[in-house]
PDB file of N, CA and C in Angstrom:
ATOM      1  N   MET A   1     -42.738  -9.037  66.615  1.00  0.00           N
ATOM      2  CA  MET A   1     -42.307 -10.220  65.971  1.00  0.00           C
ATOM      3  C   MET A   1     -42.537  -9.826  64.380  1.00  0.00           C
ATOM      4  N   GLY A   2     -43.669  -8.786  63.992  1.00  0.00           N
ATOM      5  CA  GLY A   2     -43.822  -8.473  62.632  1.00  0.00           C
ATOM      6  C   GLY A   2     -42.511  -7.656  62.302  1.00  0.00           C
ATOM      7  N   SER A   3     -42.188  -6.728  63.499  1.00  0.00           N
ATOM      8  CA  SER A   3     -41.320  -5.781  63.264  1.00  0.00           C
ATOM      9  C   SER A   3     -39.869  -6.586  62.903  1.00  0.00           C
ATOM     10  N   LEU A   4     -39.616  -7.562  63.577  1.00  0.00           N
ATOM     11  CA  LEU A   4     -38.496  -8.447  63.454  1.00  0.00           C
ATOM     12  C   LEU A   4     -38.373  -9.083  62.127  1.00  0.00           C
ATOM     13  N   LEU A   5     -39.294  -9.625  61.497  1.00  0.00           N
ATOM     14  CA  LEU A   5     -39.494 -10.238  60.253  1.00  0.00           C
ATOM     15  C   LEU A   5     -39.213  -9.164  59.249  1.00  0.00           C
ATOM     16  N   ILE A   6     -39.981  -8.018  59.184  1.00  0.00           N
ATOM     17  CA  ILE A   6     -39.608  -6.751  58.324  1.00  0.00           C
ATOM     18  C   ILE A   6     -38.073  -6.492  58.428  1.00  0.00           C
ATOM     19  N   ASP A   7     -37.705  -6.363  59.680  1.00  0.00           N
ATOM     20  CA  ASP A   7     -35.950  -6.076  59.707  1.00  0.00           C
ATOM     21  C   ASP A   7     -35.181  -7.174  59.098  1.00  0.00           C
ATOM     22  N   ALA A   8     -35.703  -8.412  59.036  1.00  0.00           N
ATOM     23  CA  ALA A   8     -34.759  -9.409  58.580  1.00  0.00           C
ATOM     24  C   ALA A   8     -34.850  -9.289  57.031  1.00  0.00           C
ATOM     25  N   VAL A   9     -35.907  -9.305  56.522  1.00  0.00           N
ATOM     26  CA  VAL A   9     -36.495  -9.106  55.104  1.00  0.00           C
ATOM     27  C   VAL A   9     -35.560  -7.824  54.589  1.00  0.00           C
ATOM     28  N   LEU A  10     -35.607  -6.829  55.299  1.00  0.00           N
ATOM     29  CA  LEU A  10     -35.081  -5.527  54.758  1.00  0.00           C
ATOM     30  C   LEU A  10     -33.355  -5.824  54.804  1.00  0.00           C
ATOM     31  N   MET A  11     -32.707  -6.473  55.762  1.00  0.00           N
ATOM     32  CA  MET A  11     -31.430  -6.652  56.205  1.00  0.00           C
ATOM     33  C   MET A  11     -30.864  -7.782  54.929  1.00  0.00           C
ATOM     34  N   VAL A  12     -31.749  -8.683  54.473  1.00  0.00           N
ATOM     35  CA  VAL A  12     -31.468  -9.679  53.402  1.00  0.00           C
ATOM     36  C   VAL A  12     -31.533  -8.716  52.135  1.00  0.00           C
ATOM     37  N   ALA A  13     -32.412  -7.959  51.825  1.00  0.00           N
ATOM     38  CA  ALA A  13     -32.205  -7.356  50.652  1.00  0.00           C
ATOM     39  C   ALA A  13     -31.175  -6.230  50.595  1.00  0.00           C
ATOM     40  N   LEU A  14     -30.810  -5.574  51.836  1.00  0.00           N
ATOM     41  CA  LEU A  14     -29.727  -4.816  51.806  1.00  0.00           C
ATOM     42  C   LEU A  14     -28.201  -5.556  51.499  1.00  0.00           C
ATOM     43  N   VAL A  15     -28.132  -6.913  51.952  1.00  0.00           N
ATOM     44  CA  VAL A  15     -26.869  -7.639  51.893  1.00  0.00           C
ATOM     45  C   VAL A  15     -26.974  -8.012  50.200  1.00  0.00           C
ATOM     46  N   VAL A  16     -28.182  -8.275  49.729  1.00  0.00           N
ATOM     47  CA  VAL A  16     -28.277  -8.754  48.263  1.00  0.00           C
ATOM     48  C   VAL A  16     -27.887  -7.684  47.211  1.00  0.00           C
ATOM     49  N   THR A  17     -28.214  -6.411  47.576  1.00  0.00           N
ATOM     50  CA  THR A  17     -27.972  -5.145  46.861  1.00  0.00           C
ATOM     51  C   THR A  17     -26.601  -4.630  47.198  1.00  0.00           C
ATOM     52  N   ALA A  18     -26.058  -5.080  48.284  1.00  0.00           N
ATOM     53  CA  ALA A  18     -24.671  -4.687  48.615  1.00  0.00           C
ATOM     54  C   ALA A  18     -23.737  -5.520  47.495  1.00  0.00           C
ATOM     55  N   VAL A  19     -24.031  -7.065  47.565  1.00  0.00           N
ATOM     56  CA  VAL A  19     -23.197  -7.959  46.653  1.00  0.00           C
ATOM     57  C   VAL A  19     -23.498  -7.643  45.335  1.00  0.00           C
ATOM     58  N   ARG A  20     -24.709  -7.242  44.735  1.00  0.00           N
ATOM     59  CA  ARG A  20     -24.920  -7.020  43.541  1.00  0.00           C
ATOM     60  C   ARG A  20     -24.262  -5.683  43.017  1.00  0.00           C
ATOM     61  N   SER A  21     -24.092  -4.646  43.976  1.00  0.00           N
ATOM     62  CA  SER A  21     -23.633  -3.472  43.800  1.00  0.00           C
ATOM     63  C   SER A  21     -22.097  -3.512  43.507  1.00  0.00           C
ATOM     64  N   GLY A  22     -21.350  -4.625  44.220  1.00  0.00           N
ATOM     65  CA  GLY A  22     -19.893  -4.980  44.332  1.00  0.00           C
ATOM     66  C   GLY A  22     -19.678  -5.672  42.879  1.00  0.00           C
ATOM     67  N   ARG A  23     -20.536  -6.516  42.516  1.00  0.00           N
ATOM     68  CA  ARG A  23     -20.294  -6.964  41.292  1.00  0.00           C
ATOM     69  C   ARG A  23     -20.464  -6.087  40.023  1.00  0.00           C
ATOM     70  N   MET A  24     -21.434  -5.159  40.253  1.00  0.00           N
ATOM     71  CA  MET A  24     -21.625  -4.324  39.173  1.00  0.00           C
ATOM     72  C   MET A  24     -20.370  -3.098  38.977  1.00  0.00           C
ATOM     73  N   TYR A  25     -19.756  -3.207  40.099  1.00  0.00           N
ATOM     74  CA  TYR A  25     -18.735  -2.207  40.336  1.00  0.00           C
ATOM     75  C   TYR A  25     -17.475  -2.669  39.848  1.00  0.00           C
ATOM     76  N   ARG A  26     -17.194  -3.928  40.015  1.00  0.00           N
ATOM     77  CA  ARG A  26     -16.040  -4.674  39.210  1.00  0.00           C
ATOM     78  C   ARG A  26     -16.221  -4.842  37.772  1.00  0.00           C
ATOM     79  N   GLU A  27     -17.381  -5.110  37.388  1.00  0.00           N
ATOM     80  CA  GLU A  27     -17.591  -5.087  35.908  1.00  0.00           C
ATOM     81  C   GLU A  27     -17.647  -3.763  35.133  1.00  0.00           C
ATOM     82  N   LEU A  28     -17.971  -2.524  35.844  1.00  0.00           N
ATOM     83  CA  LEU A  28     -17.664  -1.347  35.362  1.00  0.00           C
ATOM     84  C   LEU A  28     -16.090  -1.019  35.294  1.00  0.00           C
ATOM     85  N   LYS A  29     -15.572  -1.230  36.284  1.00  0.00           N
ATOM     86  CA  LYS A  29     -14.047  -1.126  36.386  1.00  0.00           C
ATOM     87  C   LYS A  29     -13.048  -1.828  35.314  1.00  0.00           C
ATOM     88  N   SER A  30     -13.955  -3.163  35.021  1.00  0.00           N
ATOM     89  CA  SER A  30     -13.219  -4.200  34.065  1.00  0.00           C
ATOM     90  C   SER A  30     -13.534  -3.538  32.621  1.00  0.00           C
ATOM     91  N   LEU A  31     -14.720  -2.805  32.439  1.00  0.00           N
ATOM     92  CA  LEU A  31     -15.056  -2.440  31.138  1.00  0.00           C
ATOM     93  C   LEU A  31     -14.383  -0.827  31.015  1.00  0.00           C
ATOM     94  N   ARG A  32     -13.974  -0.292  31.918  1.00  0.00           N
ATOM     95  CA  ARG A  32     -13.024   0.994  31.878  1.00  0.00           C
ATOM     96  C   ARG A  32     -11.782   0.606  31.413  1.00  0.00           C
ATOM     97  N   GLU A  33     -11.329  -0.585  32.108  1.00  0.00           N
ATOM     98  CA  GLU A  33      -9.810  -1.117  31.608  1.00  0.00           C
ATOM     99  C   GLU A  33      -9.771  -1.297  30.286  1.00  0.00           C
ATOM    100  N   SER A  34     -10.764  -2.402  30.040  1.00  0.00           N
ATOM    101  CA  SER A  34     -10.512  -2.797  28.394  1.00  0.00           C
ATOM    102  C   SER A  34     -11.112  -1.791  27.627  1.00  0.00           C
ATOM    103  N   GLU A  35     -11.651  -0.539  27.922  1.00  0.00           N
ATOM    104  CA  GLU A  35     -11.979   0.447  27.077  1.00  0.00           C
ATOM    105  C   GLU A  35     -10.544   1.156  26.685  1.00  0.00           C
ATOM    106  N   SER A  36      -9.745   1.444  27.902  1.00  0.00           N
ATOM    107  CA  SER A  36      -8.681   2.136  27.669  1.00  0.00           C
ATOM    108  C   SER A  36      -7.581   1.188  26.863  1.00  0.00           C
ATOM    109  N   GLY A  37      -7.631  -0.022  26.968  1.00  0.00           N
ATOM    110  CA  GLY A  37      -7.029  -0.999  26.281  1.00  0.00           C
ATOM    111  C   GLY A  37      -7.117  -0.834  24.956  1.00  0.00           C
ATOM    112  N   LEU A  38      -8.619  -0.907  24.628  1.00  0.00           N
ATOM    113  CA  LEU A  38      -9.090  -0.915  23.166  1.00  0.00           C
ATOM    114  C   LEU A  38      -8.775   0.607  22.621  1.00  0.00           C
ATOM    115  N   ALA A  39      -8.762   1.792  23.175  1.00  0.00           N
ATOM    116  CA  ALA A  39      -8.428   2.830  22.906  1.00  0.00           C
ATOM    117  C   ALA A  39      -6.926   3.020  22.442  1.00  0.00           C
ATOM    118  N   ALA A  40      -6.077   2.367  23.399  1.00  0.00           N
ATOM    119  CA  ALA A  40      -4.537   2.322  22.944  1.00  0.00           C
ATOM    120  C   ALA A  40      -4.392   1.456  21.679  1.00  0.00           C
ATOM    121  N   ALA A  41      -5.219   0.294  21.640  1.00  0.00           N
ATOM    122  CA  ALA A  41      -4.973  -0.485  20.425  1.00  0.00           C
ATOM    123  C   ALA A  41      -5.588   0.004  19.294  1.00  0.00           C
ATOM    124  N   LEU A  42      -6.337   0.747  19.283  1.00  0.00           N
ATOM    125  CA  LEU A  42      -7.150   1.553  18.122  1.00  0.00           C
ATOM    126  C   LEU A  42      -5.956   2.653  17.709  1.00  0.00           C
ATOM    127  N   ALA A  43      -5.253   3.521  18.721  1.00  0.00           N
ATOM    128  CA  ALA A  43      -4.241   4.543  18.287  1.00  0.00           C
ATOM    129  C   ALA A  43      -3.116   3.825  17.657  1.00  0.00           C
ATOM    130  N   GLU A  44      -2.809   2.452  18.080  1.00  0.00           N
ATOM    131  CA  GLU A  44      -1.695   1.764  17.598  1.00  0.00           C
ATOM    132  C   GLU A  44      -1.820   1.399  16.264  1.00  0.00           C
ATOM    133  N   SER A  45      -3.146   0.880  15.959  1.00  0.00           N
ATOM    134  CA  SER A  45      -3.513   0.520  14.689  1.00  0.00           C
ATOM    135  C   SER A  45      -3.696   1.714  13.643  1.00  0.00           C
ATOM    136  N   GLU A  46      -3.987   2.859  14.219  1.00  0.00           N
ATOM    137  CA  GLU A  46      -4.156   3.993  13.334  1.00  0.00           C
ATOM    138  C   GLU A  46      -2.569   4.524  12.933  1.00  0.00           C
ATOM    139  N   ARG A  47      -1.512   4.472  13.808  1.00  0.00           N
ATOM    140  CA  ARG A  47      -0.179   4.553  13.528  1.00  0.00           C
ATOM    141  C   ARG A  47       0.391   3.634  12.419  1.00  0.00           C
ATOM    142  N   SER A  48      -0.061   2.399  12.670  1.00  0.00           N
ATOM    143  CA  SER A  48       0.551   1.345  11.729  1.00  0.00           C
ATOM    144  C   SER A  48      -0.265   1.642  10.327  1.00  0.00           C
ATOM    145  N   LEU A  49      -1.312   2.060  10.138  1.00  0.00           N
ATOM    146  CA  LEU A  49      -1.995   2.397   8.890  1.00  0.00           C
ATOM    147  C   LEU A  49      -1.482   3.596   8.264  1.00  0.00           C
ATOM    148  N   ASN A  50      -1.358   4.698   9.117  1.00  0.00           N
ATOM    149  CA  ASN A  50      -0.542   5.664   8.571  1.00  0.00           C
ATOM    150  C   ASN A  50       0.902   5.484   8.064  1.00  0.00           C
ATOM    151  N   LYS A  51       1.749   4.577   8.801  1.00  0.00           N
ATOM    152  CA  LYS A  51       3.049   4.108   8.257  1.00  0.00           C
ATOM    153  C   LYS A  51       2.908   3.294   6.874  1.00  0.00           C
ATOM    154  N   ALA A  52       1.738   2.486   6.873  1.00  0.00           N
ATOM    155  CA  ALA A  52       1.500   1.565   5.624  1.00  0.00           C
ATOM    156  C   ALA A  52       1.184   2.440   4.413  1.00  0.00           C
ATOM    157  N   CYS A  53       0.367   3.731   4.762  1.00  0.00           N
ATOM    158  CA  CYS A  53      -0.148   4.367   3.760  1.00  0.00           C
ATOM    159  C   CYS A  53       0.911   5.229   3.220  1.00  0.00           C
ATOM    160  N   GLU A  54       1.908   5.742   3.994  1.00  0.00           N
ATOM    161  CA  GLU A  54       3.131   6.412   3.527  1.00  0.00           C
ATOM    162  C   GLU A  54       3.949   5.540   2.635  1.00  0.00           C
ATOM    163  N   ALA A  55       3.861   4.147   3.179  1.00  0.00           N
ATOM    164  CA  ALA A  55       4.927   3.281   2.417  1.00  0.00           C
ATOM    165  C   ALA A  55       4.249   3.071   1.033  1.00  0.00           C
ATOM    166  N   VAL A  56       2.979   2.792   0.941  1.00  0.00           N
ATOM    167  CA  VAL A  56       2.237   2.688  -0.458  1.00  0.00           C
ATOM    168  C   VAL A  56       2.505   4.026  -1.461  1.00  0.00           C
ATOM    169  N   ILE A  57       2.419   5.232  -0.750  1.00  0.00           N
ATOM    170  CA  ILE A  57       2.524   6.218  -1.599  1.00  0.00           C
ATOM    171  C   ILE A  57       3.776   6.345  -2.074  1.00  0.00           C
ATOM    172  N   ALA A  58       4.817   6.074  -1.188  1.00  0.00           N
ATOM    173  CA  ALA A  58       6.319   5.903  -1.564  1.00  0.00           C
ATOM    174  C   ALA A  58       6.412   5.218  -2.757  1.00  0.00           C
ATOM    175  N   LEU A  59       5.898   3.889  -2.520  1.00  0.00           N
ATOM    176  CA  LEU A  59       6.250   2.718  -3.486  1.00  0.00           C
ATOM    177  C   LEU A  59       5.558   3.290  -4.883  1.00  0.00           C
ATOM    178  N   LYS A  60       4.474   3.837  -4.923  1.00  0.00           N
ATOM    179  CA  LYS A  60       3.496   4.441  -6.004  1.00  0.00           C
ATOM    180  C   LYS A  60       4.595   5.366  -6.800  1.00  0.00           C
ATOM    181  N   HIS A  61       5.074   6.068  -5.928  1.00  0.00           N
ATOM    182  CA  HIS A  61       6.056   7.316  -6.452  1.00  0.00           C
ATOM    183  C   HIS A  61       7.431   6.661  -7.293  1.00  0.00           C
ATOM    184  N   ASP A  62       7.779   5.623  -6.529  1.00  0.00           N
ATOM    185  CA  ASP A  62       9.023   5.161  -6.950  1.00  0.00           C
ATOM    186  C   ASP A  62       8.614   4.196  -8.474  1.00  0.00           C
ATOM    187  N   GLY A  63       7.602   3.491  -8.266  1.00  0.00           N
ATOM    188  CA  GLY A  63       7.089   2.916  -9.438  1.00  0.00           C
ATOM    189  C   GLY A  63       6.749   3.543 -10.422  1.00  0.00           C
ATOM    190  N   LEU A  64       5.987   4.724 -10.490  1.00  0.00           N
ATOM    191  CA  LEU A  64       5.920   5.785 -11.249  1.00  0.00           C
ATOM    192  C   LEU A  64       7.108   6.249 -11.975  1.00  0.00           C
ATOM    193  N   ASP A  65       8.126   6.550 -11.262  1.00  0.00           N
ATOM    194  CA  ASP A  65       9.541   6.900 -11.760  1.00  0.00           C
ATOM    195  C   ASP A  65      10.175   5.718 -12.552  1.00  0.00           C
ATOM    196  N   THR A  66      10.220   4.661 -12.129  1.00  0.00           N
ATOM    197  CA  THR A  66      10.857   3.425 -12.840  1.00  0.00           C
ATOM    198  C   THR A  66      10.042   3.279 -14.235  1.00  0.00           C
ATOM    199  N   MET A  67       8.817   3.325 -14.006  1.00  0.00           N
ATOM    200  CA  MET A  67       8.091   3.052 -15.386  1.00  0.00           C
ATOM    201  C   MET A  67       8.420   4.216 -16.343  1.00  0.00           C
ATOM    202  N   ARG A  68       8.486   5.388 -15.855  1.00  0.00           N
ATOM    203  CA  ARG A  68       8.923   6.517 -16.838  1.00  0.00           C
ATOM    204  C   ARG A  68      10.271   6.426 -17.376  1.00  0.00           C
ATOM    205  N   ARG A  69      11.217   5.873 -16.615  1.00  0.00           N
ATOM    206  CA  ARG A  69      12.673   5.492 -16.988  1.00  0.00           C
ATOM    207  C   ARG A  69      12.643   4.472 -17.991  1.00  0.00           C
ATOM    208  N   LEU A  70      12.038   3.302 -17.693  1.00  0.00           N
ATOM    209  CA  LEU A  70      11.813   2.127 -18.463  1.00  0.00           C
ATOM    210  C   LEU A  70      11.128   2.541 -19.904  1.00  0.00           C
ATOM    211  N   GLU A  71      10.188   3.381 -19.781  1.00  0.00           N
ATOM    212  CA  GLU A  71       9.558   3.678 -21.249  1.00  0.00           C
ATOM    213  C   GLU A  71      10.741   4.590 -21.906  1.00  0.00           C
ATOM    214  N   ALA A  72      11.299   5.361 -21.385  1.00  0.00           N
ATOM    215  CA  ALA A  72      12.313   6.399 -21.925  1.00  0.00           C
ATOM    216  C   ALA A  72      13.265   5.429 -22.626  1.00  0.00           C
ATOM    217  N   GLU A  73      13.866   4.378 -21.905  1.00  0.00           N
ATOM    218  CA  GLU A  73      14.862   3.341 -22.171  1.00  0.00           C
ATOM    219  C   GLU A  73      14.365   2.530 -23.386  1.00  0.00           C
ATOM    220  N   SER A  74      12.974   2.314 -23.452  1.00  0.00           N
ATOM    221  CA  SER A  74      12.749   1.491 -24.264  1.00  0.00           C
ATOM    222  C   SER A  74      12.463   2.105 -25.470  1.00  0.00           C
ATOM    223  N   ASN A  75      11.922   3.275 -25.561  1.00  0.00           N
ATOM    224  CA  ASN A  75      12.110   4.167 -26.787  1.00  0.00           C
ATOM    225  C   ASN A  75      13.567   4.367 -27.392  1.00  0.00           C
ATOM    226  N   ARG A  76      14.384   4.518 -26.472  1.00  0.00           N
ATOM    227  CA  ARG A  76      15.653   4.864 -26.872  1.00  0.00           C
ATOM    228  C   ARG A  76      16.236   3.669 -27.596  1.00  0.00           C
ATOM    229  N   ALA A  77      15.743   2.335 -26.967  1.00  0.00           N
ATOM    230  CA  ALA A  77      16.189   0.977 -27.664  1.00  0.00           C
ATOM    231  C   ALA A  77      15.711   0.777 -28.735  1.00  0.00           C
ATOM    232  N   ALA A  78      14.416   1.268 -29.012  1.00  0.00           N
ATOM    233  CA  ALA A  78      13.690   0.843 -30.549  1.00  0.00           C
ATOM    234  C   ALA A  78      14.348   1.872 -31.349  1.00  0.00           C
ATOM    235  N   GLU A  79      14.734   3.163 -31.066  1.00  0.00           N
ATOM    236  CA  GLU A  79      15.405   4.146 -31.975  1.00  0.00           C
ATOM    237  C   GLU A  79      16.683   3.268 -32.475  1.00  0.00           C
ATOM    238  N   VAL A  80      17.466   2.864 -31.436  1.00  0.00           N
ATOM    239  CA  VAL A  80      19.016   2.276 -31.620  1.00  0.00           C
ATOM    240  C   VAL A  80      18.661   1.313 -32.455  1.00  0.00           C
ATOM    241  N   GLY A  81      17.683   0.239 -32.234  1.00  0.00           N
ATOM    242  CA  GLY A  81      17.386  -0.756 -33.216  1.00  0.00           C
ATOM    243  C   GLY A  81      17.015  -0.281 -34.545  1.00  0.00           C
ATOM    244  N   LEU A  82      16.279   0.619 -34.941  1.00  0.00           N
ATOM    245  CA  LEU A  82      15.935   1.077 -36.169  1.00  0.00           C
ATOM    246  C   LEU A  82      16.986   1.531 -36.943  1.00  0.00           C
ATOM    247  N   ARG A  83      17.783   2.168 -35.992  1.00  0.00           N
ATOM    248  CA  ARG A  83      19.204   2.815 -36.549  1.00  0.00           C
ATOM    249  C   ARG A  83      20.328   1.804 -37.108  1.00  0.00           C
ATOM    250  N   LEU A  84      20.039   0.786 -36.228  1.00  0.00           N
ATOM    251  CA  LEU A  84      21.152  -0.459 -36.416  1.00  0.00           C
ATOM    252  C   LEU A  84      20.833  -1.130 -37.705  1.00  0.00           C
ATOM    253  N   ALA A  85      19.518  -1.296 -37.706  1.00  0.00           N
ATOM    254  CA  ALA A  85      18.704  -2.004 -38.987  1.00  0.00           C
ATOM    255  C   ALA A  85      19.068  -1.373 -40.143  1.00  0.00           C
ATOM    256  N   SER A  86      19.163   0.084 -40.114  1.00  0.00           N
ATOM    257  CA  SER A  86      19.512   0.836 -41.460  1.00  0.00           C
ATOM    258  C   SER A  86      20.652   0.663 -41.740  1.00  0.00           C
ATOM    259  N   LEU A  87      21.636   0.696 -40.752  1.00  0.00           N
ATOM    260  CA  LEU A  87      23.207   0.636 -40.985  1.00  0.00           C
ATOM    261  C   LEU A  87      23.457  -0.701 -41.410  1.00  0.00           C
ATOM    262  N   VAL A  88      22.719  -1.617 -40.935  1.00  0.00           N
ATOM    263  CA  VAL A  88      23.130  -3.275 -41.513  1.00  0.00           C
ATOM    264  C   VAL A  88      22.662  -3.174 -42.942  1.00  0.00           C
ATOM    265  N   GLU A  89      21.471  -2.490 -43.396  1.00  0.00           N
ATOM    266  CA  GLU A  89      21.015  -2.672 -44.740  1.00  0.00           C
ATOM    267  C   GLU A  89      22.159  -1.676 -45.643  1.00  0.00           C
ATOM    268  N   ARG A  90      22.631  -0.580 -45.261  1.00  0.00           N
ATOM    269  CA  ARG A  90      23.570   0.095 -45.835  1.00  0.00           C
ATOM    270  C   ARG A  90      24.660  -0.739 -46.097  1.00  0.00           C
ATOM    271  N   ALA A  91      25.192  -1.232 -45.037  1.00  0.00           N
ATOM    272  CA  ALA A  91      26.261  -2.185 -45.096  1.00  0.00           C
ATOM    273  C   ALA A  91      26.394  -3.435 -46.061  1.00  0.00           C
ATOM    274  N   GLU A  92      25.198  -3.837 -46.059  1.00  0.00           N
ATOM    275  CA  GLU A  92      24.948  -5.054 -46.823  1.00  0.00           C
ATOM    276  C   GLU A  92      24.850  -4.681 -48.452  1.00  0.00           C
ATOM    277  N   TYR A  93      24.280  -3.611 -48.559  1.00  0.00           N
ATOM    278  CA  TYR A  93      24.024  -2.712 -49.776  1.00  0.00           C
ATOM    279  C   TYR A  93      25.728  -2.463 -50.405  1.00  0.00           C
ATOM    280  N   HIS A  94      26.456  -1.728 -49.598  1.00  0.00           N
ATOM    281  CA  HIS A  94      27.885  -1.414 -49.878  1.00  0.00           C
ATOM    282  C   HIS A  94      28.667  -2.437 -50.218  1.00  0.00           C
ATOM    283  N   THR A  95      28.439  -3.680 -49.409  1.00  0.00           N
ATOM    284  CA  THR A  95      29.148  -4.866 -49.550  1.00  0.00           C
ATOM    285  C   THR A  95      28.889  -5.664 -50.822  1.00  0.00           C
ATOM    286  N   GLY A  96      27.770  -5.519 -51.141  1.00  0.00           N
ATOM    287  CA  GLY A  96      27.125  -6.508 -52.102  1.00  0.00           C
ATOM    288  C   GLY A  96      26.503  -7.741 -51.613  1.00  0.00           C
ATOM    289  N   THR A  97      26.332  -7.927 -50.426  1.00  0.00           N
ATOM    290  CA  THR A  97      25.894  -9.207 -49.666  1.00  0.00           C
ATOM    291  C   THR A  97      24.324  -8.803 -49.402  1.00  0.00           C
ATOM    292  N   SER A  98      23.660  -7.865 -49.903  1.00  0.00           N
ATOM    293  CA  SER A  98      22.306  -7.598 -49.753  1.00  0.00           C
ATOM    294  C   SER A  98      21.419  -8.876 -50.397  1.00  0.00           C
ATOM    295  N   ARG A  99      20.594  -9.235 -49.291  1.00  0.00           N
ATOM    296  CA  ARG A  99      19.718 -10.282 -49.723  1.00  0.00           C
ATOM    297  C   ARG A  99      18.297  -9.795 -50.428  1.00  0.00           C
ATOM    298  N   ARG A 100      18.224  -8.328 -50.204  1.00  0.00           N
ATOM    299  CA  ARG A 100      17.116  -7.712 -50.678  1.00  0.00           C
ATOM    300  C   ARG A 100      17.585  -6.829 -52.004  1.00  0.00           C
ATOM    301  N   PRO A 101      16.965  -6.993 -53.137  1.00  0.00           N
ATOM    302  CA  PRO A 101      17.364  -6.078 -54.224  1.00  0.00           C
ATOM    303  C   PRO A 101      16.861  -4.496 -54.123  1.00  0.00           C
ATOM    304  N   ALA A 102      16.403  -3.952 -52.678  1.00  0.00           N
ATOM    305  CA  ALA A 102      16.011  -2.722 -52.601  1.00  0.00           C
ATOM    306  C   ALA A 102      17.332  -1.916 -52.208  1.00  0.00           C
ATOM    307  N   ALA A 103      17.261  -0.393 -52.374  1.00  0.00           N
ATOM    308  CA  ALA A 103      18.149   0.390 -52.159  1.00  0.00           C
ATOM    309  C   ALA A 103      18.338   0.468 -50.594  1.00  0.00           C
ATOM    310  N   PRO A 104      19.320   0.941 -50.098  1.00  0.00           N
ATOM    311  CA  PRO A 104      19.332   1.283 -48.482  1.00  0.00           C
ATOM    312  C   PRO A 104      18.284   1.977 -47.896  1.00  0.00           C
ATOM    313  N   ALA A 105      17.733   1.745 -46.789  1.00  0.00           N
ATOM    314  CA  ALA A 105      16.756   2.641 -46.329  1.00  0.00           C
ATOM    315  C   ALA A 105      17.459   3.889 -45.634  1.00  0.00           C
ATOM    316  N   ALA A 106      16.736   4.826 -45.657  1.00  0.00           N
ATOM    317  CA  ALA A 106      17.079   6.216 -45.197  1.00  0.00           C
ATOM    318  C   ALA A 106      16.952   6.100 -43.876  1.00  0.00           C
ATOM    319  N   LEU A 107      17.683   6.835 -43.066  1.00  0.00           N
ATOM    320  CA  LEU A 107      17.615   6.989 -41.897  1.00  0.00           C
ATOM    321  C   LEU A 107      16.011   7.931 -41.625  1.00  0.00           C
ATOM    322  N   PRO A 108      15.267   7.336 -40.704  1.00  0.00           N
ATOM    323  CA  PRO A 108      14.168   8.490 -40.148  1.00  0.00           C
ATOM    324  C   PRO A 108      14.755   9.514 -39.874  1.00  0.00           C
ATOM    325  N   THR A 109      13.459  10.657 -39.952  1.00  0.00           N
ATOM    326  CA  THR A 109      14.170  12.097 -39.892  1.00  0.00           C
ATOM    327  C   THR A 109      14.646  12.386 -38.250  1.00  0.00           C
ATOM    328  N   ASP A 110      14.108  11.645 -37.462  1.00  0.00           N
ATOM    329  CA  ASP A 110      14.424  11.816 -36.049  1.00  0.00           C
ATOM    330  C   ASP A 110      15.838  11.237 -35.667  1.00  0.00           C
ATOM    331  N   LEU A 111      16.139  10.250 -36.401  1.00  0.00           N
ATOM    332  CA  LEU A 111      17.446   9.533 -36.170  1.00  0.00           C
ATOM    333  C   LEU A 111      18.502  10.205 -36.857  1.00  0.00           C
ATOM    334  N   ALA A 112      18.219  10.882 -38.247  1.00  0.00           N
ATOM    335  CA  ALA A 112      19.068  11.433 -38.909  1.00  0.00           C
ATOM    336  C   ALA A 112      19.596  12.667 -37.995  1.00  0.00           C
ATOM    337  N   LYS A 113      18.780  13.551 -37.327  1.00  0.00           N
ATOM    338  CA  LYS A 113      19.181  14.597 -36.721  1.00  0.00           C
ATOM    339  C   LYS A 113      19.920  14.089 -35.319  1.00  0.00           C
ATOM    340  N   ALA A 114      19.793  12.924 -34.996  1.00  0.00           N
ATOM    341  CA  ALA A 114      20.403  12.427 -33.726  1.00  0.00           C
ATOM    342  C   ALA A 114      21.844  12.356 -34.048  1.00  0.00           C
ATOM    343  N   SER A 115      22.149  11.699 -35.354  1.00  0.00           N
ATOM    344  CA  SER A 115      23.622  11.363 -35.658  1.00  0.00           C
ATOM    345  C   SER A 115      24.427  12.203 -36.283  1.00  0.00           C
TER     346      SER A 115
END
């Protein structure tokens, strides 16, 4: 009778161990699947970040190029404005409609060379 009781306890322990082992196997399998999904998501996010980084670098390059061009055009416009102001002063002086009694302004040396 004692042997039968021990066998029953051992059988119950074996069934409980088998059930728990089955659950643990399913959990490990689920973890492995989610790990591969996580790895794929991380790889995709890395590719997306690399594309975004390349786009930012390209935009920075284009922005700097545009800024240089705008600065050059702004300088050119300032020079043309000075030259125009000088020409208007000279025209007013020669036509006698000058509102200022001063003599015509001379072109700046940079602009005199350009014309």
